Structures are given as structure tokens and as C-alpha cells.
PDB file of all heavy atoms in Angstrom:
ATOM      1  N   GLY A   1     143.294 135.205 325.598  1.00  0.00           N
ATOM      2  CA  GLY A   1     143.169 136.602 325.971  1.00  0.00           C
ATOM      3  C   GLY A   1     142.957 137.504 324.767  1.00  0.00           C
ATOM      4  O   GLY A   1     142.738 137.048 323.648  1.00  0.00           O
ATOM      5  N   ASP A   2     143.041 138.811 325.010  1.00  0.00           N
ATOM      6  CA  ASP A   2     142.761 139.808 323.984  1.00  0.00           C
ATOM      7  C   ASP A   2     144.019 140.439 323.403  1.00  0.00           C
ATOM      8  O   ASP A   2     143.956 141.053 322.352  1.00  0.00           O
ATOM      9  CB  ASP A   2     141.878 140.923 324.564  1.00  0.00           C
ATOM     10  CG  ASP A   2     140.526 140.407 325.014  1.00  0.00           C
ATOM     11  OD1 ASP A   2     139.939 139.594 324.275  1.00  0.00           O
ATOM     12  OD2 ASP A   2     140.067 140.807 326.094  1.00  0.00           O
ATOM     13  N   ARG A   3     145.165 140.340 324.090  1.00  0.00           N
ATOM     14  CA  ARG A   3     146.373 141.011 323.638  1.00  0.00           C
ATOM     15  C   ARG A   3     147.045 140.258 322.495  1.00  0.00           C
ATOM     16  O   ARG A   3     147.167 139.032 322.518  1.00  0.00           O
ATOM     17  CB  ARG A   3     147.389 141.126 324.786  1.00  0.00           C
ATOM     18  CG  ARG A   3     147.073 142.165 325.821  1.00  0.00           C
ATOM     19  CD  ARG A   3     147.297 143.577 325.330  1.00  0.00           C
ATOM     20  NE  ARG A   3     148.668 143.814 324.973  1.00  0.00           N
ATOM     21  CZ  ARG A   3     149.609 144.188 325.841  1.00  0.00           C
ATOM     22  NH1 ARG A   3     149.314 144.340 327.121  1.00  0.00           N
ATOM     23  NH2 ARG A   3     150.841 144.426 325.420  1.00  0.00           N
ATOM     24  N   PHE A   4     147.500 141.003 321.475  1.00  0.00           N
ATOM     25  CA  PHE A   4     148.310 140.413 320.418  1.00  0.00           C
ATOM     26  C   PHE A   4     149.664 140.009 321.003  1.00  0.00           C
ATOM     27  O   PHE A   4     150.246 140.740 321.800  1.00  0.00           O
ATOM     28  CB  PHE A   4     148.550 141.427 319.300  1.00  0.00           C
ATOM     29  CG  PHE A   4     147.336 141.747 318.462  1.00  0.00           C
ATOM     30  CD1 PHE A   4     147.413 142.719 317.475  1.00  0.00           C
ATOM     31  CD2 PHE A   4     146.134 141.100 318.648  1.00  0.00           C
ATOM     32  CE1 PHE A   4     146.318 143.040 316.687  1.00  0.00           C
ATOM     33  CE2 PHE A   4     145.027 141.399 317.872  1.00  0.00           C
ATOM     34  CZ  PHE A   4     145.121 142.371 316.893  1.00  0.00           C
ATOM     35  N   PHE A   5     150.182 138.853 320.565  1.00  0.00           N
ATOM     36  CA  PHE A   5     151.527 138.480 321.005  1.00  0.00           C
ATOM     37  C   PHE A   5     152.188 137.549 320.005  1.00  0.00           C
ATOM     38  O   PHE A   5     151.527 136.946 319.141  1.00  0.00           O
ATOM     39  CB  PHE A   5     151.512 137.849 322.403  1.00  0.00           C
ATOM     40  CG  PHE A   5     150.784 136.531 322.531  1.00  0.00           C
ATOM     41  CD1 PHE A   5     151.348 135.336 322.093  1.00  0.00           C
ATOM     42  CD2 PHE A   5     149.533 136.471 323.130  1.00  0.00           C
ATOM     43  CE1 PHE A   5     150.682 134.122 322.225  1.00  0.00           C
ATOM     44  CE2 PHE A   5     148.859 135.266 323.277  1.00  0.00           C
ATOM     45  CZ  PHE A   5     149.438 134.091 322.822  1.00  0.00           C
ATOM     46  N   VAL A   6     153.525 137.457 320.125  1.00  0.00           N
ATOM     47  CA  VAL A   6     154.339 136.511 319.367  1.00  0.00           C
ATOM     48  C   VAL A   6     154.963 135.556 320.368  1.00  0.00           C
ATOM     49  O   VAL A   6     155.524 135.984 321.383  1.00  0.00           O
ATOM     50  CB  VAL A   6     155.448 137.238 318.573  1.00  0.00           C
ATOM     51  CG1 VAL A   6     156.415 136.240 317.945  1.00  0.00           C
ATOM     52  CG2 VAL A   6     154.840 138.137 317.505  1.00  0.00           C
ATOM     53  N   HIS A   7     154.865 134.253 320.096  1.00  0.00           N
ATOM     54  CA  HIS A   7     155.433 133.250 320.994  1.00  0.00           C
ATOM     55  C   HIS A   7     156.206 132.226 320.177  1.00  0.00           C
ATOM     56  O   HIS A   7     155.687 131.678 319.193  1.00  0.00           O
ATOM     57  CB  HIS A   7     154.326 132.544 321.779  1.00  0.00           C
ATOM     58  CG  HIS A   7     154.807 131.355 322.568  1.00  0.00           C
ATOM     59  ND1 HIS A   7     155.566 131.485 323.714  1.00  0.00           N
ATOM     60  CD2 HIS A   7     154.660 130.021 322.352  1.00  0.00           C
ATOM     61  CE1 HIS A   7     155.858 130.268 324.173  1.00  0.00           C
ATOM     62  NE2 HIS A   7     155.316 129.377 323.362  1.00  0.00           N
ATOM     63  N   LEU A   8     157.460 131.977 320.566  1.00  0.00           N
ATOM     64  CA  LEU A   8     158.280 130.985 319.882  1.00  0.00           C
ATOM     65  C   LEU A   8     158.281 129.676 320.648  1.00  0.00           C
ATOM     66  O   LEU A   8     158.290 129.650 321.882  1.00  0.00           O
ATOM     67  CB  LEU A   8     159.718 131.487 319.722  1.00  0.00           C
ATOM     68  CG  LEU A   8     159.933 132.706 318.844  1.00  0.00           C
ATOM     69  CD1 LEU A   8     161.422 132.905 318.580  1.00  0.00           C
ATOM     70  CD2 LEU A   8     159.178 132.602 317.535  1.00  0.00           C
ATOM     71  N   PHE A   9     158.300 128.562 319.904  1.00  0.00           N
ATOM     72  CA  PHE A   9     158.417 127.241 320.506  1.00  0.00           C
ATOM     73  C   PHE A   9     159.875 126.993 320.904  1.00  0.00           C
ATOM     74  O   PHE A   9     160.780 127.716 320.491  1.00  0.00           O
ATOM     75  CB  PHE A   9     157.986 126.148 319.516  1.00  0.00           C
ATOM     76  CG  PHE A   9     156.623 126.356 318.923  1.00  0.00           C
ATOM     77  CD1 PHE A   9     156.403 126.090 317.576  1.00  0.00           C
ATOM     78  CD2 PHE A   9     155.560 126.794 319.691  1.00  0.00           C
ATOM     79  CE1 PHE A   9     155.150 126.266 317.007  1.00  0.00           C
ATOM     80  CE2 PHE A   9     154.301 126.972 319.136  1.00  0.00           C
ATOM     81  CZ  PHE A   9     154.092 126.711 317.792  1.00  0.00           C
ATOM     82  N   GLY A  10     160.083 125.926 321.681  1.00  0.00           N
ATOM     83  CA  GLY A  10     161.457 125.549 322.010  1.00  0.00           C
ATOM     84  C   GLY A  10     162.236 125.106 320.782  1.00  0.00           C
ATOM     85  O   GLY A  10     163.456 125.317 320.682  1.00  0.00           O
ATOM     86  N   LYS A  11     161.542 124.483 319.827  1.00  0.00           N
ATOM     87  CA  LYS A  11     162.161 124.096 318.565  1.00  0.00           C
ATOM     88  C   LYS A  11     161.102 124.156 317.469  1.00  0.00           C
ATOM     89  O   LYS A  11     159.901 124.204 317.756  1.00  0.00           O
ATOM     90  CB  LYS A  11     162.742 122.687 318.654  1.00  0.00           C
ATOM     91  CG  LYS A  11     161.725 121.603 318.957  1.00  0.00           C
ATOM     92  CD  LYS A  11     162.395 120.238 319.016  1.00  0.00           C
ATOM     93  CE  LYS A  11     161.363 119.136 319.290  1.00  0.00           C
ATOM     94  NZ  LYS A  11     161.997 117.791 319.333  1.00  0.00           N
ATOM     95  N   ARG A  12     161.541 124.145 316.228  1.00  0.00           N
ATOM     96  CA  ARG A  12     160.606 124.243 315.117  1.00  0.00           C
ATOM     97  C   ARG A  12     159.649 123.057 315.117  1.00  0.00           C
ATOM     98  O   ARG A  12     160.050 121.907 315.343  1.00  0.00           O
ATOM     99  CB  ARG A  12     161.389 124.297 313.795  1.00  0.00           C
ATOM    100  CG  ARG A  12     160.506 124.550 312.588  1.00  0.00           C
ATOM    101  CD  ARG A  12     161.324 124.893 311.361  1.00  0.00           C
ATOM    102  NE  ARG A  12     162.203 123.794 310.967  1.00  0.00           N
ATOM    103  CZ  ARG A  12     162.969 123.811 309.869  1.00  0.00           C
ATOM    104  NH1 ARG A  12     162.977 124.889 309.090  1.00  0.00           N
ATOM    105  NH2 ARG A  12     163.724 122.788 309.571  1.00  0.00           N
ATOM    106  N   SER A  13     158.387 123.320 314.868  1.00  0.00           N
ATOM    107  CA  SER A  13     157.370 122.275 314.893  1.00  0.00           C
ATOM    108  C   SER A  13     157.481 121.368 313.667  1.00  0.00           C
ATOM    109  O   SER A  13     158.157 121.698 312.686  1.00  0.00           O
ATOM    110  CB  SER A  13     155.968 122.897 314.950  1.00  0.00           C
ATOM    111  OG  SER A  13     155.638 123.479 313.703  1.00  0.00           O
ATOM    112  N   ARG A  14     156.783 120.269 313.710  1.00  0.00           N
ATOM    113  CA  ARG A  14     156.782 119.333 312.596  1.00  0.00           C
ATOM    114  C   ARG A  14     156.231 119.970 311.322  1.00  0.00           C
ATOM    115  O   ARG A  14     156.616 119.613 310.207  1.00  0.00           O
ATOM    116  CB  ARG A  14     155.950 118.100 312.970  1.00  0.00           C
ATOM    117  CG  ARG A  14     155.937 116.995 311.917  1.00  0.00           C
ATOM    118  CD  ARG A  14     155.211 115.775 312.447  1.00  0.00           C
ATOM    119  NE  ARG A  14     153.850 116.108 312.839  1.00  0.00           N
ATOM    120  CZ  ARG A  14     153.016 115.250 313.423  1.00  0.00           C
ATOM    121  NH1 ARG A  14     153.414 114.015 313.694  1.00  0.00           N
ATOM    122  NH2 ARG A  14     151.793 115.626 313.750  1.00  0.00           N
ATOM    123  N   ASP A  15     155.325 120.929 311.481  1.00  0.00           N
ATOM    124  CA  ASP A  15     154.743 121.623 310.334  1.00  0.00           C
ATOM    125  C   ASP A  15     155.617 122.754 309.809  1.00  0.00           C
ATOM    126  O   ASP A  15     155.241 123.428 308.845  1.00  0.00           O
ATOM    127  CB  ASP A  15     153.366 122.188 310.706  1.00  0.00           C
ATOM    128  CG  ASP A  15     152.344 121.081 310.951  1.00  0.00           C
ATOM    129  OD1 ASP A  15     152.514 119.985 310.386  1.00  0.00           O
ATOM    130  OD2 ASP A  15     151.386 121.319 311.710  1.00  0.00           O
ATOM    131  N   GLY A  16     156.759 122.973 310.454  1.00  0.00           N
ATOM    132  CA  GLY A  16     157.686 123.980 309.949  1.00  0.00           C
ATOM    133  C   GLY A  16     157.480 125.374 310.501  1.00  0.00           C
ATOM    134  O   GLY A  16     157.915 126.354 309.887  1.00  0.00           O
ATOM    135  N   TYR A  17     156.869 125.480 311.668  1.00  0.00           N
ATOM    136  CA  TYR A  17     156.686 126.789 312.296  1.00  0.00           C
ATOM    137  C   TYR A  17     157.598 126.918 313.506  1.00  0.00           C
ATOM    138  O   TYR A  17     157.755 125.986 314.292  1.00  0.00           O
ATOM    139  CB  TYR A  17     155.239 126.988 312.734  1.00  0.00           C
ATOM    140  CG  TYR A  17     154.260 127.014 311.582  1.00  0.00           C
ATOM    141  CD1 TYR A  17     153.328 125.991 311.412  1.00  0.00           C
ATOM    142  CD2 TYR A  17     154.278 128.051 310.666  1.00  0.00           C
ATOM    143  CE1 TYR A  17     152.434 126.010 310.352  1.00  0.00           C
ATOM    144  CE2 TYR A  17     153.389 128.081 309.596  1.00  0.00           C
ATOM    145  CZ  TYR A  17     152.478 127.051 309.442  1.00  0.00           C
ATOM    146  OH  TYR A  17     151.610 127.068 308.385  1.00  0.00           O
ATOM    147  N   HIS A  18     158.168 128.112 313.665  1.00  0.00           N
ATOM    148  CA  HIS A  18     159.015 128.388 314.830  1.00  0.00           C
ATOM    149  C   HIS A  18     158.192 128.880 316.014  1.00  0.00           C
ATOM    150  O   HIS A  18     158.696 128.945 317.136  1.00  0.00           O
ATOM    151  CB  HIS A  18     160.063 129.444 314.469  1.00  0.00           C
ATOM    152  CG  HIS A  18     160.971 129.037 313.355  1.00  0.00           C
ATOM    153  ND1 HIS A  18     160.682 129.289 312.031  1.00  0.00           N
ATOM    154  CD2 HIS A  18     162.156 128.385 313.371  1.00  0.00           C
ATOM    155  CE1 HIS A  18     161.651 128.819 311.272  1.00  0.00           C
ATOM    156  NE2 HIS A  18     162.557 128.260 312.048  1.00  0.00           N
ATOM    157  N   GLY A  19     156.945 129.254 315.770  1.00  0.00           N
ATOM    158  CA  GLY A  19     156.091 129.757 316.832  1.00  0.00           C
ATOM    159  C   GLY A  19     154.757 130.199 316.263  1.00  0.00           C
ATOM    160  O   GLY A  19     154.366 129.794 315.159  1.00  0.00           O
ATOM    161  N   VAL A  20     154.065 131.041 317.022  1.00  0.00           N
ATOM    162  CA  VAL A  20     152.747 131.530 316.610  1.00  0.00           C
ATOM    163  C   VAL A  20     152.683 133.035 316.810  1.00  0.00           C
ATOM    164  O   VAL A  20     153.430 133.614 317.604  1.00  0.00           O
ATOM    165  CB  VAL A  20     151.605 130.867 317.411  1.00  0.00           C
ATOM    166  CG1 VAL A  20     151.561 129.380 317.166  1.00  0.00           C
ATOM    167  CG2 VAL A  20     151.728 131.176 318.905  1.00  0.00           C
ATOM    168  N   PHE A  21     151.787 133.671 316.054  1.00  0.00           N
ATOM    169  CA  PHE A  21     151.384 135.047 316.379  1.00  0.00           C
ATOM    170  C   PHE A  21     149.894 134.985 316.679  1.00  0.00           C
ATOM    171  O   PHE A  21     149.111 134.422 315.929  1.00  0.00           O
ATOM    172  CB  PHE A  21     151.726 136.026 315.259  1.00  0.00           C
ATOM    173  CG  PHE A  21     150.936 135.873 313.983  1.00  0.00           C
ATOM    174  CD1 PHE A  21     149.894 136.749 313.670  1.00  0.00           C
ATOM    175  CD2 PHE A  21     151.239 134.865 313.071  1.00  0.00           C
ATOM    176  CE1 PHE A  21     149.178 136.609 312.492  1.00  0.00           C
ATOM    177  CE2 PHE A  21     150.523 134.729 311.883  1.00  0.00           C
ATOM    178  CZ  PHE A  21     149.494 135.602 311.595  1.00  0.00           C
ATOM    179  N   TYR A  22     149.538 135.563 317.812  1.00  0.00           N
ATOM    180  CA  TYR A  22     148.175 135.436 318.331  1.00  0.00           C
ATOM    181  C   TYR A  22     147.429 136.750 318.148  1.00  0.00           C
ATOM    182  O   TYR A  22     147.970 137.833 318.430  1.00  0.00           O
ATOM    183  CB  TYR A  22     148.218 135.068 319.811  1.00  0.00           C
ATOM    184  CG  TYR A  22     146.855 134.985 320.478  1.00  0.00           C
ATOM    185  CD1 TYR A  22     146.031 133.891 320.285  1.00  0.00           C
ATOM    186  CD2 TYR A  22     146.401 136.017 321.306  1.00  0.00           C
ATOM    187  CE1 TYR A  22     144.780 133.818 320.897  1.00  0.00           C
ATOM    188  CE2 TYR A  22     145.162 135.951 321.924  1.00  0.00           C
ATOM    189  CZ  TYR A  22     144.358 134.841 321.715  1.00  0.00           C
ATOM    190  OH  TYR A  22     143.124 134.777 322.317  1.00  0.00           O
ATOM    191  N   VAL A  23     146.160 136.667 317.658  1.00  0.00           N
ATOM    192  CA  VAL A  23     145.401 137.872 317.331  1.00  0.00           C
ATOM    193  C   VAL A  23     144.074 137.978 318.085  1.00  0.00           C
ATOM    194  O   VAL A  23     143.245 138.819 317.743  1.00  0.00           O
ATOM    195  CB  VAL A  23     145.148 137.954 315.809  1.00  0.00           C
ATOM    196  CG1 VAL A  23     146.457 138.061 315.053  1.00  0.00           C
ATOM    197  CG2 VAL A  23     144.332 136.755 315.313  1.00  0.00           C
ATOM    198  N   GLY A  24     143.858 137.138 319.108  1.00  0.00           N
ATOM    199  CA  GLY A  24     142.629 137.234 319.886  1.00  0.00           C
ATOM    200  C   GLY A  24     141.415 136.704 319.143  1.00  0.00           C
ATOM    201  O   GLY A  24     141.534 136.001 318.134  1.00  0.00           O
ATOM    202  N   PRO A  25     140.212 137.040 319.601  1.00  0.00           N
ATOM    203  CA  PRO A  25     138.992 136.601 318.901  1.00  0.00           C
ATOM    204  C   PRO A  25     138.949 137.200 317.498  1.00  0.00           C
ATOM    205  O   PRO A  25     139.245 138.377 317.311  1.00  0.00           O
ATOM    206  CB  PRO A  25     137.867 137.165 319.782  1.00  0.00           C
ATOM    207  CG  PRO A  25     138.497 137.458 321.104  1.00  0.00           C
ATOM    208  CD  PRO A  25     139.913 137.817 320.816  1.00  0.00           C
ATOM    209  N   ILE A  26     138.564 136.386 316.521  1.00  0.00           N
ATOM    210  CA  ILE A  26     138.593 136.844 315.134  1.00  0.00           C
ATOM    211  C   ILE A  26     137.193 137.190 314.640  1.00  0.00           C
ATOM    212  O   ILE A  26     136.191 136.643 315.094  1.00  0.00           O
ATOM    213  CB  ILE A  26     139.253 135.807 314.200  1.00  0.00           C
ATOM    214  CG1 ILE A  26     138.560 134.452 314.295  1.00  0.00           C
ATOM    215  CG2 ILE A  26     140.735 135.698 314.495  1.00  0.00           C
ATOM    216  CD1 ILE A  26     139.077 133.437 313.277  1.00  0.00           C
ATOM    217  N   THR A  27     137.169 138.119 313.681  1.00  0.00           N
ATOM    218  CA  THR A  27     135.929 138.612 313.089  1.00  0.00           C
ATOM    219  C   THR A  27     136.068 138.592 311.591  1.00  0.00           C
ATOM    220  O   THR A  27     137.090 139.033 311.044  1.00  0.00           O
ATOM    221  CB  THR A  27     135.646 140.063 313.562  1.00  0.00           C
ATOM    222  OG1 THR A  27     135.789 140.139 314.973  1.00  0.00           O
ATOM    223  CG2 THR A  27     134.248 140.497 313.152  1.00  0.00           C
ATOM    224  N   ALA A  28     135.061 138.087 310.884  1.00  0.00           N
ATOM    225  CA  ALA A  28     135.126 137.987 309.424  1.00  0.00           C
ATOM    226  C   ALA A  28     135.242 139.367 308.778  1.00  0.00           C
ATOM    227  O   ALA A  28     134.600 140.324 309.209  1.00  0.00           O
ATOM    228  CB  ALA A  28     133.878 137.275 308.890  1.00  0.00           C
ATOM    229  N   SER A  29     136.067 139.425 307.733  1.00  0.00           N
ATOM    230  CA  SER A  29     136.165 140.642 306.934  1.00  0.00           C
ATOM    231  C   SER A  29     135.663 140.307 305.529  1.00  0.00           C
ATOM    232  O   SER A  29     136.269 139.511 304.815  1.00  0.00           O
ATOM    233  CB  SER A  29     137.612 141.140 306.870  1.00  0.00           C
ATOM    234  OG  SER A  29     137.695 142.318 306.085  1.00  0.00           O
ATOM    235  N   PRO A  30     134.556 140.897 305.109  1.00  0.00           N
ATOM    236  CA  PRO A  30     133.989 140.577 303.788  1.00  0.00           C
ATOM    237  C   PRO A  30     134.826 141.162 302.656  1.00  0.00           C
ATOM    238  O   PRO A  30     135.736 141.973 302.905  1.00  0.00           O
ATOM    239  CB  PRO A  30     132.599 141.226 303.849  1.00  0.00           C
ATOM    240  CG  PRO A  30     132.761 142.346 304.809  1.00  0.00           C
ATOM    241  CD  PRO A  30     133.743 141.883 305.838  1.00  0.00           C
ATOM    242  N   PRO A  31     134.542 140.787 301.420  1.00  0.00           N
ATOM    243  CA  PRO A  31     135.274 141.348 300.277  1.00  0.00           C
ATOM    244  C   PRO A  31     135.156 142.873 300.248  1.00  0.00           C
ATOM    245  O   PRO A  31     134.116 143.441 300.588  1.00  0.00           O
ATOM    246  CB  PRO A  31     134.593 140.712 299.068  1.00  0.00           C
ATOM    247  CG  PRO A  31     133.972 139.460 299.593  1.00  0.00           C
ATOM    248  CD  PRO A  31     133.567 139.763 300.993  1.00  0.00           C
ATOM    249  N   ALA A  32     136.221 143.524 299.781  1.00  0.00           N
ATOM    250  CA  ALA A  32     136.215 144.978 299.682  1.00  0.00           C
ATOM    251  C   ALA A  32     135.209 145.459 298.649  1.00  0.00           C
ATOM    252  O   ALA A  32     134.604 146.519 298.783  1.00  0.00           O
ATOM    253  CB  ALA A  32     137.610 145.483 299.329  1.00  0.00           C
ATOM    254  N   VAL A  33     135.014 144.657 297.582  1.00  0.00           N
ATOM    255  CA  VAL A  33     134.034 144.966 296.558  1.00  0.00           C
ATOM    256  C   VAL A  33     133.110 143.767 296.446  1.00  0.00           C
ATOM    257  O   VAL A  33     133.566 142.655 296.226  1.00  0.00           O
ATOM    258  CB  VAL A  33     134.708 145.244 295.201  1.00  0.00           C
ATOM    259  CG1 VAL A  33     133.645 145.514 294.137  1.00  0.00           C
ATOM    260  CG2 VAL A  33     135.644 146.428 295.320  1.00  0.00           C
TER     261      VAL A  33
END
């Protein structure tokens, strides 16, 4: 979907994350300079 959200897993993942933050479809941001 399009809405930003935070979702926690039932337990910490093998990679050491407690959950995810979701940002929808992503768009490249070029260098500022």
C-alpha cells in the first residue's frame, strides 16, 4: 500500500530486527550537489 507504517515481529529476526518501517513505493533521490 501507500501508507507509512511501523510493524513489529513476534520476536526479533535472525538478522537482528524487531520489525520493519514501511515507506511505500520508492523514488531515487540524486546527490544534492
